[in-house]
Structure formats: structure tokens, C-alpha cells
Amino acid sequence: MASVYNFKASLSGKAWSATGFGDKADGIEVSGDSEIEFTVALKAAVSEKEPGYLRVDKTLITPKRAYYCLMVGGAVASGGGGGGGGGC
């Protein structure tokens, strides 16, 4: 079963910052001077709590606000159909 970590992110200038919410991510705060640096920091923060295969989904709400969902573990869909595990 996959674990899901949810984050509300905002952009200020070129720097992104996020606060986790929900059971798993509550209290995690992450920031980065660029989107790439921010994404790496976000992955590192979740991997520190729970290592494993990590999938990142980003939904842009406005140009300066986004929702990030990181899923650790779960099944990976392969050829021939069949579904993966839960999702974001």
C-alpha cells in the first residue's frame, strides 16, 4: 500500500516553499531557490521519513500556487494493462 504526502506550495519571486498537510506530511516544511531545487528538497524530506520508490504529482492551481502529492511505494503499472496502486 502506498503512503501519500500532500503539500501546499507557493512561489515568491523564483523561490518555492511548501507546507505539508494531512497525517503523513503534517509539520514538514520545504523551500528552494528554484523549482528544481525545491523539488529535490521535497523528495529528500519525504525520503527521510519513508524511503522507497517515489512518485511526484504537481497540480498548478494558479501561477504562484501549486499542490504537490508525493506517493511512496505502491504498484507500478506494466505492459498488458492492470492498474497501479492507489494514487494522489
C-alpha atoms as a PDB file:
ATOM      1  CA  MET A   1       0.000   0.000   0.000  1.00  0.00           C
ATOM      2  CA  ALA A   2       1.303   3.426  -0.912  1.00  0.00           C
ATOM      3  CA  SER A   3       1.820   6.291   1.508  1.00  0.00           C
ATOM      4  CA  VAL A   4       0.718   9.722   0.298  1.00  0.00           C
ATOM      5  CA  TYR A   5       2.288  13.036   1.351  1.00  0.00           C
ATOM      6  CA  ASN A   6       0.411  16.260   0.463  1.00  0.00           C
ATOM      7  CA  PHE A   7       1.890  19.760   0.226  1.00  0.00           C
ATOM      8  CA  LYS A   8       0.554  23.253  -0.468  1.00  0.00           C
ATOM      9  CA  ALA A   9       3.247  25.226  -2.290  1.00  0.00           C
ATOM     10  CA  SER A  10       3.634  28.897  -3.151  1.00  0.00           C
ATOM     11  CA  LEU A  11       6.014  30.886  -5.325  1.00  0.00           C
ATOM     12  CA  SER A  12       7.656  34.133  -4.220  1.00  0.00           C
ATOM     13  CA  GLY A  13       9.969  35.564  -6.860  1.00  0.00           C
ATOM     14  CA  LYS A  14      11.782  32.433  -8.091  1.00  0.00           C
ATOM     15  CA  ALA A  15      11.698  30.591  -4.757  1.00  0.00           C
ATOM     16  CA  TRP A  16       9.143  27.921  -3.922  1.00  0.00           C
ATOM     17  CA  SER A  17       8.094  26.960  -0.394  1.00  0.00           C
ATOM     18  CA  ALA A  18       5.643  24.339   0.845  1.00  0.00           C
ATOM     19  CA  THR A  19       3.937  23.163   3.977  1.00  0.00           C
ATOM     20  CA  GLY A  20       2.775  19.598   4.349  1.00  0.00           C
ATOM     21  CA  PHE A  21      -0.729  18.710   5.448  1.00  0.00           C
ATOM     22  CA  GLY A  22      -2.542  15.504   6.307  1.00  0.00           C
ATOM     23  CA  ASP A  23      -1.458  12.604   8.503  1.00  0.00           C
ATOM     24  CA  LYS A  24       1.855  11.855   6.814  1.00  0.00           C
ATOM     25  CA  ALA A  25       3.176  15.289   5.802  1.00  0.00           C
ATOM     26  CA  ASP A  26       1.882  17.427   8.674  1.00  0.00           C
ATOM     27  CA  GLY A  27       4.689  19.607  10.001  1.00  0.00           C
ATOM     28  CA  ILE A  28       7.069  19.161   7.046  1.00  0.00           C
ATOM     29  CA  GLU A  29       8.223  22.484   5.582  1.00  0.00           C
ATOM     30  CA  VAL A  30      10.377  22.720   2.467  1.00  0.00           C
ATOM     31  CA  SER A  31      11.785  25.561   0.356  1.00  0.00           C
ATOM     32  CA  GLY A  32      14.092  26.007  -2.619  1.00  0.00           C
ATOM     33  CA  ASP A  33      15.546  28.876  -4.637  1.00  0.00           C
ATOM     34  CA  SER A  34      14.327  27.348  -7.922  1.00  0.00           C
ATOM     35  CA  GLU A  35      11.668  24.832  -8.898  1.00  0.00           C
ATOM     36  CA  ILE A  36      14.296  22.136  -9.451  1.00  0.00           C
ATOM     37  CA  GLU A  37      15.992  22.784  -6.086  1.00  0.00           C
ATOM     38  CA  PHE A  38      12.572  22.836  -4.408  1.00  0.00           C
ATOM     39  CA  THR A  39      11.531  19.504  -5.953  1.00  0.00           C
ATOM     40  CA  VAL A  40      14.801  17.882  -4.864  1.00  0.00           C
ATOM     41  CA  ALA A  41      14.314  19.206  -1.304  1.00  0.00           C
ATOM     42  CA  LEU A  42      10.716  17.955  -1.270  1.00  0.00           C
ATOM     43  CA  LYS A  43      11.794  14.466  -2.353  1.00  0.00           C
ATOM     44  CA  ALA A  44      14.590  14.459   0.253  1.00  0.00           C
ATOM     45  CA  ALA A  45      12.206  15.467   3.059  1.00  0.00           C
ATOM     46  CA  VAL A  46       9.774  12.650   2.242  1.00  0.00           C
ATOM     47  CA  SER A  47      12.539  10.070   1.636  1.00  0.00           C
ATOM     48  CA  GLU A  48      13.991  10.892   5.057  1.00  0.00           C
ATOM     49  CA  LYS A  49      10.689   9.881   6.671  1.00  0.00           C
ATOM     50  CA  GLU A  50       9.944   6.937   4.398  1.00  0.00           C
ATOM     51  CA  PRO A  51      12.425   5.596   1.828  1.00  0.00           C
ATOM     52  CA  GLY A  52      11.247   3.796  -1.294  1.00  0.00           C
ATOM     53  CA  TYR A  53      10.029   4.362  -4.853  1.00  0.00           C
ATOM     54  CA  LEU A  54       8.796   7.963  -5.012  1.00  0.00           C
ATOM     55  CA  ARG A  55       6.326   9.493  -7.479  1.00  0.00           C
ATOM     56  CA  VAL A  56       5.682  13.247  -7.588  1.00  0.00           C
ATOM     57  CA  ASP A  57       2.489  14.780  -8.953  1.00  0.00           C
ATOM     58  CA  LYS A  58       2.188  18.544  -9.255  1.00  0.00           C
ATOM     59  CA  THR A  59      -1.021  20.431  -9.943  1.00  0.00           C
ATOM     60  CA  LEU A  60      -0.669  24.133 -10.673  1.00  0.00           C
ATOM     61  CA  ILE A  61      -3.623  25.945  -9.086  1.00  0.00           C
ATOM     62  CA  THR A  62      -2.552  29.466 -10.082  1.00  0.00           C
ATOM     63  CA  PRO A  63       0.788  30.687 -11.488  1.00  0.00           C
ATOM     64  CA  LYS A  64       2.002  31.158  -7.875  1.00  0.00           C
ATOM     65  CA  ARG A  65       0.245  28.307  -6.048  1.00  0.00           C
ATOM     66  CA  ALA A  66       0.534  24.558  -6.517  1.00  0.00           C
ATOM     67  CA  TYR A  67      -0.461  21.283  -4.913  1.00  0.00           C
ATOM     68  CA  TYR A  68       2.202  18.575  -4.677  1.00  0.00           C
ATOM     69  CA  CYS A  69       1.386  14.973  -3.945  1.00  0.00           C
ATOM     70  CA  LEU A  70       4.232  12.541  -3.290  1.00  0.00           C
ATOM     71  CA  MET A  71       3.475   8.845  -3.203  1.00  0.00           C
ATOM     72  CA  VAL A  72       5.903   6.357  -1.668  1.00  0.00           C
ATOM     73  CA  GLY A  73       5.611   2.714  -2.667  1.00  0.00           C
ATOM     74  CA  GLY A  74       2.560   1.283  -4.397  1.00  0.00           C
ATOM     75  CA  ALA A  75       2.375  -0.834  -7.511  1.00  0.00           C
ATOM     76  CA  VAL A  76       3.724   0.260 -10.863  1.00  0.00           C
ATOM     77  CA  ALA A  77       1.577  -0.478 -13.913  1.00  0.00           C
ATOM     78  CA  SER A  78       3.280  -2.632 -16.535  1.00  0.00           C
ATOM     79  CA  GLY A  79       2.508  -3.719 -20.090  1.00  0.00           C
ATOM     80  CA  GLY A  80      -0.704  -5.579 -20.785  1.00  0.00           C
ATOM     81  CA  GLY A  81      -2.939  -3.483 -18.570  1.00  0.00           C
ATOM     82  CA  GLY A  82      -3.551  -3.886 -14.925  1.00  0.00           C
ATOM     83  CA  GLY A  83      -3.671  -0.956 -12.576  1.00  0.00           C
ATOM     84  CA  GLY A  84      -1.180   0.504 -10.235  1.00  0.00           C
ATOM     85  CA  GLY A  85      -1.688   1.066  -6.558  1.00  0.00           C
ATOM     86  CA  GLY A  86      -3.558   3.995  -5.050  1.00  0.00           C
ATOM     87  CA  GLY A  87      -2.728   7.460  -6.159  1.00  0.00           C
ATOM     88  CA  CYS A  88      -2.634  11.094  -5.402  1.00  0.00           C
END
